[in-house]
Amino acid sequence: MELQTWLAFFAACWVISLSPGAGAIASMSSGLQYGFWRGYWNALGLQLGLAVQIAIVGAGVGAILTASATAFYAIKWFGVAYLVYLAIKQWRALPSDMSDDAAVRQIGKPMALV
C-alpha cells in the first residue's frame, strides 16, 4: 500500500470515528427528551445487543453459515419476512400526534446557574 493511500485511509478513519453513530444519537435524543434513565436504558440496550453480536461471532456461526448454504438462505429469508412484517405493521399503525404542544418539555431548572 502506498503511503499516500494509507494516509488518506488513516485520515478518513479518524474523521469517521469522531462522529457519533446512530446509537449514540438515539441515546442522546432519548436522554434529552425523556430524562437520564430513559437514555441510560437505551444505551444499556445497545450494549447488550453488541454483546449478543460478539457472542454470535465467538460461537462461530459465520463459519457454520459459510459451510451450509441452506442455513444461510433460511436466515436470509427469515430476515426478509421479518422486514416485511415490520413494514406492514408500520403501515397499519395509526399516525402519532406531531404537534409542538406534545413535544415541549422543560429540561433542567432555568435558574440553576444563578
C-alpha atoms as a PDB file:
ATOM      1  CA  MET A   1       0.000   0.000   0.000  1.00  0.00           C
ATOM      2  CA  GLU A   2       1.348   3.379  -0.920  1.00  0.00           C
ATOM      3  CA  LEU A   3       1.953   5.938   1.809  1.00  0.00           C
ATOM      4  CA  GLN A   4      -0.451   8.438   0.239  1.00  0.00           C
ATOM      5  CA  THR A   5      -3.262   5.867   0.182  1.00  0.00           C
ATOM      6  CA  TRP A   6      -2.542   4.846   3.756  1.00  0.00           C
ATOM      7  CA  LEU A   7      -2.573   8.464   4.969  1.00  0.00           C
ATOM      8  CA  ALA A   8      -5.895   9.124   3.219  1.00  0.00           C
ATOM      9  CA  PHE A   9      -7.366   5.992   4.806  1.00  0.00           C
ATOM     10  CA  PHE A  10      -5.979   6.982   8.219  1.00  0.00           C
ATOM     11  CA  ALA A  11      -7.465  10.490   7.961  1.00  0.00           C
ATOM     12  CA  ALA A  12     -10.852   9.101   6.890  1.00  0.00           C
ATOM     13  CA  CYS A  13     -10.836   6.668   9.827  1.00  0.00           C
ATOM     14  CA  TRP A  14     -10.183   9.494  12.275  1.00  0.00           C
ATOM     15  CA  VAL A  15     -12.963  11.664  10.883  1.00  0.00           C
ATOM     16  CA  ILE A  16     -15.448   8.788  10.888  1.00  0.00           C
ATOM     17  CA  SER A  17     -14.511   7.697  14.421  1.00  0.00           C
ATOM     18  CA  LEU A  18     -15.056  11.215  15.787  1.00  0.00           C
ATOM     19  CA  SER A  19     -18.638  11.449  14.525  1.00  0.00           C
ATOM     20  CA  PRO A  20     -21.339   9.899  16.724  1.00  0.00           C
ATOM     21  CA  GLY A  21     -23.134   6.854  15.422  1.00  0.00           C
ATOM     22  CA  ALA A  22     -26.850   6.172  15.221  1.00  0.00           C
ATOM     23  CA  GLY A  23     -26.908   4.509  18.640  1.00  0.00           C
ATOM     24  CA  ALA A  24     -25.181   7.441  20.331  1.00  0.00           C
ATOM     25  CA  ILE A  25     -27.557   9.905  18.705  1.00  0.00           C
ATOM     26  CA  ALA A  26     -30.573   7.799  19.723  1.00  0.00           C
ATOM     27  CA  SER A  27     -29.336   7.628  23.329  1.00  0.00           C
ATOM     28  CA  MET A  28     -28.653  11.369  23.488  1.00  0.00           C
ATOM     29  CA  SER A  29     -32.011  12.200  21.934  1.00  0.00           C
ATOM     30  CA  SER A  30     -33.845   9.873  24.293  1.00  0.00           C
ATOM     31  CA  GLY A  31     -31.994  11.245  27.300  1.00  0.00           C
ATOM     32  CA  LEU A  32     -32.666  14.858  26.360  1.00  0.00           C
ATOM     33  CA  GLN A  33     -36.313  14.285  25.579  1.00  0.00           C
ATOM     34  CA  TYR A  34     -37.315  11.861  28.346  1.00  0.00           C
ATOM     35  CA  GLY A  35     -34.637  12.154  31.019  1.00  0.00           C
ATOM     36  CA  PHE A  36     -31.497  10.415  32.224  1.00  0.00           C
ATOM     37  CA  TRP A  37     -32.930   6.984  32.958  1.00  0.00           C
ATOM     38  CA  ARG A  38     -34.551   6.556  29.549  1.00  0.00           C
ATOM     39  CA  GLY A  39     -31.228   7.410  27.908  1.00  0.00           C
ATOM     40  CA  TYR A  40     -29.443   5.068  30.307  1.00  0.00           C
ATOM     41  CA  TRP A  41     -31.676   2.121  29.399  1.00  0.00           C
ATOM     42  CA  ASN A  42     -31.304   2.976  25.726  1.00  0.00           C
ATOM     43  CA  ALA A  43     -27.506   2.846  25.993  1.00  0.00           C
ATOM     44  CA  LEU A  44     -27.661  -0.357  28.047  1.00  0.00           C
ATOM     45  CA  GLY A  45     -29.847  -1.986  25.396  1.00  0.00           C
ATOM     46  CA  LEU A  46     -27.352  -1.008  22.710  1.00  0.00           C
ATOM     47  CA  GLN A  47     -24.510  -2.568  24.709  1.00  0.00           C
ATOM     48  CA  LEU A  48     -26.475  -5.775  25.299  1.00  0.00           C
ATOM     49  CA  GLY A  49     -27.159  -6.008  21.567  1.00  0.00           C
ATOM     50  CA  LEU A  50     -23.443  -5.623  20.899  1.00  0.00           C
ATOM     51  CA  ALA A  51     -22.693  -8.364  23.439  1.00  0.00           C
ATOM     52  CA  VAL A  52     -25.117 -10.704  21.632  1.00  0.00           C
ATOM     53  CA  GLN A  53     -23.409  -9.961  18.314  1.00  0.00           C
ATOM     54  CA  ILE A  54     -19.995 -10.686  19.844  1.00  0.00           C
ATOM     55  CA  ALA A  55     -21.315 -13.965  21.289  1.00  0.00           C
ATOM     56  CA  ILE A  56     -22.673 -14.993  17.879  1.00  0.00           C
ATOM     57  CA  VAL A  57     -19.339 -14.254  16.223  1.00  0.00           C
ATOM     58  CA  GLY A  58     -17.457 -16.008  19.026  1.00  0.00           C
ATOM     59  CA  ALA A  59     -19.630 -19.098  18.661  1.00  0.00           C
ATOM     60  CA  GLY A  60     -18.545 -19.422  15.050  1.00  0.00           C
ATOM     61  CA  VAL A  61     -21.954 -19.033  13.455  1.00  0.00           C
ATOM     62  CA  GLY A  62     -20.313 -17.348  10.461  1.00  0.00           C
ATOM     63  CA  ALA A  63     -18.309 -20.496   9.738  1.00  0.00           C
ATOM     64  CA  ILE A  64     -21.441 -22.614  10.002  1.00  0.00           C
ATOM     65  CA  LEU A  65     -23.300 -20.336   7.582  1.00  0.00           C
ATOM     66  CA  THR A  66     -20.362 -20.399   5.173  1.00  0.00           C
ATOM     67  CA  ALA A  67     -20.372 -24.192   5.184  1.00  0.00           C
ATOM     68  CA  SER A  68     -24.153 -24.576   4.849  1.00  0.00           C
ATOM     69  CA  ALA A  69     -25.906 -22.763   2.013  1.00  0.00           C
ATOM     70  CA  THR A  70     -29.274 -23.989   3.292  1.00  0.00           C
ATOM     71  CA  ALA A  71     -28.783 -22.386   6.712  1.00  0.00           C
ATOM     72  CA  PHE A  72     -27.620 -19.152   5.067  1.00  0.00           C
ATOM     73  CA  TYR A  73     -30.693 -18.957   2.822  1.00  0.00           C
ATOM     74  CA  ALA A  74     -33.010 -19.829   5.725  1.00  0.00           C
ATOM     75  CA  ILE A  75     -31.644 -16.975   7.830  1.00  0.00           C
ATOM     76  CA  LYS A  76     -31.699 -14.622   4.848  1.00  0.00           C
ATOM     77  CA  TRP A  77     -35.361 -15.324   4.064  1.00  0.00           C
ATOM     78  CA  PHE A  78     -36.288 -15.129   7.745  1.00  0.00           C
ATOM     79  CA  GLY A  79     -34.792 -11.624   7.727  1.00  0.00           C
ATOM     80  CA  VAL A  80     -36.778 -10.720   4.610  1.00  0.00           C
ATOM     81  CA  ALA A  81     -40.003 -11.973   6.206  1.00  0.00           C
ATOM     82  CA  TYR A  82     -39.282 -10.022   9.395  1.00  0.00           C
ATOM     83  CA  LEU A  83     -38.663  -6.792   7.467  1.00  0.00           C
ATOM     84  CA  VAL A  84     -41.907  -7.267   5.526  1.00  0.00           C
ATOM     85  CA  TYR A  85     -43.727  -7.873   8.831  1.00  0.00           C
ATOM     86  CA  LEU A  86     -42.277  -4.657  10.292  1.00  0.00           C
ATOM     87  CA  ALA A  87     -43.218  -2.711   7.157  1.00  0.00           C
ATOM     88  CA  ILE A  88     -46.824  -3.926   7.266  1.00  0.00           C
ATOM     89  CA  LYS A  89     -47.034  -3.217  10.995  1.00  0.00           C
ATOM     90  CA  GLN A  90     -45.730   0.330  10.470  1.00  0.00           C
ATOM     91  CA  TRP A  91     -48.027   0.896   7.504  1.00  0.00           C
ATOM     92  CA  ARG A  92     -51.107  -0.100   9.533  1.00  0.00           C
ATOM     93  CA  ALA A  93     -50.128   1.907  12.628  1.00  0.00           C
ATOM     94  CA  LEU A  94     -52.134   4.980  13.486  1.00  0.00           C
ATOM     95  CA  PRO A  95     -50.273   8.255  12.974  1.00  0.00           C
ATOM     96  CA  SER A  96     -48.905   9.792  16.142  1.00  0.00           C
ATOM     97  CA  ASP A  97     -49.588  13.341  17.279  1.00  0.00           C
ATOM     98  CA  MET A  98     -46.858  15.536  15.789  1.00  0.00           C
ATOM     99  CA  SER A  99     -47.997  18.861  17.271  1.00  0.00           C
ATOM    100  CA  ASP A 100     -45.500  21.103  19.025  1.00  0.00           C
ATOM    101  CA  ASP A 101     -47.523  21.140  22.240  1.00  0.00           C
ATOM    102  CA  ALA A 102     -46.815  17.471  22.929  1.00  0.00           C
ATOM    103  CA  ALA A 103     -43.049  17.879  22.423  1.00  0.00           C
ATOM    104  CA  VAL A 104     -42.485  20.845  24.774  1.00  0.00           C
ATOM    105  CA  ARG A 105     -40.733  19.732  27.924  1.00  0.00           C
ATOM    106  CA  GLN A 106     -38.609  21.837  30.218  1.00  0.00           C
ATOM    107  CA  ILE A 107     -35.113  20.434  30.641  1.00  0.00           C
ATOM    108  CA  GLY A 108     -33.469  21.182  33.965  1.00  0.00           C
ATOM    109  CA  LYS A 109     -34.031  24.178  36.223  1.00  0.00           C
ATOM    110  CA  PRO A 110     -33.807  27.545  34.464  1.00  0.00           C
ATOM    111  CA  MET A 111     -32.360  29.360  37.499  1.00  0.00           C
ATOM    112  CA  ALA A 112     -29.876  26.630  38.473  1.00  0.00           C
ATOM    113  CA  LEU A 113     -26.837  28.621  37.336  1.00  0.00           C
ATOM    114  CA  VAL A 114     -27.900  31.860  39.065  1.00  0.00           C
END
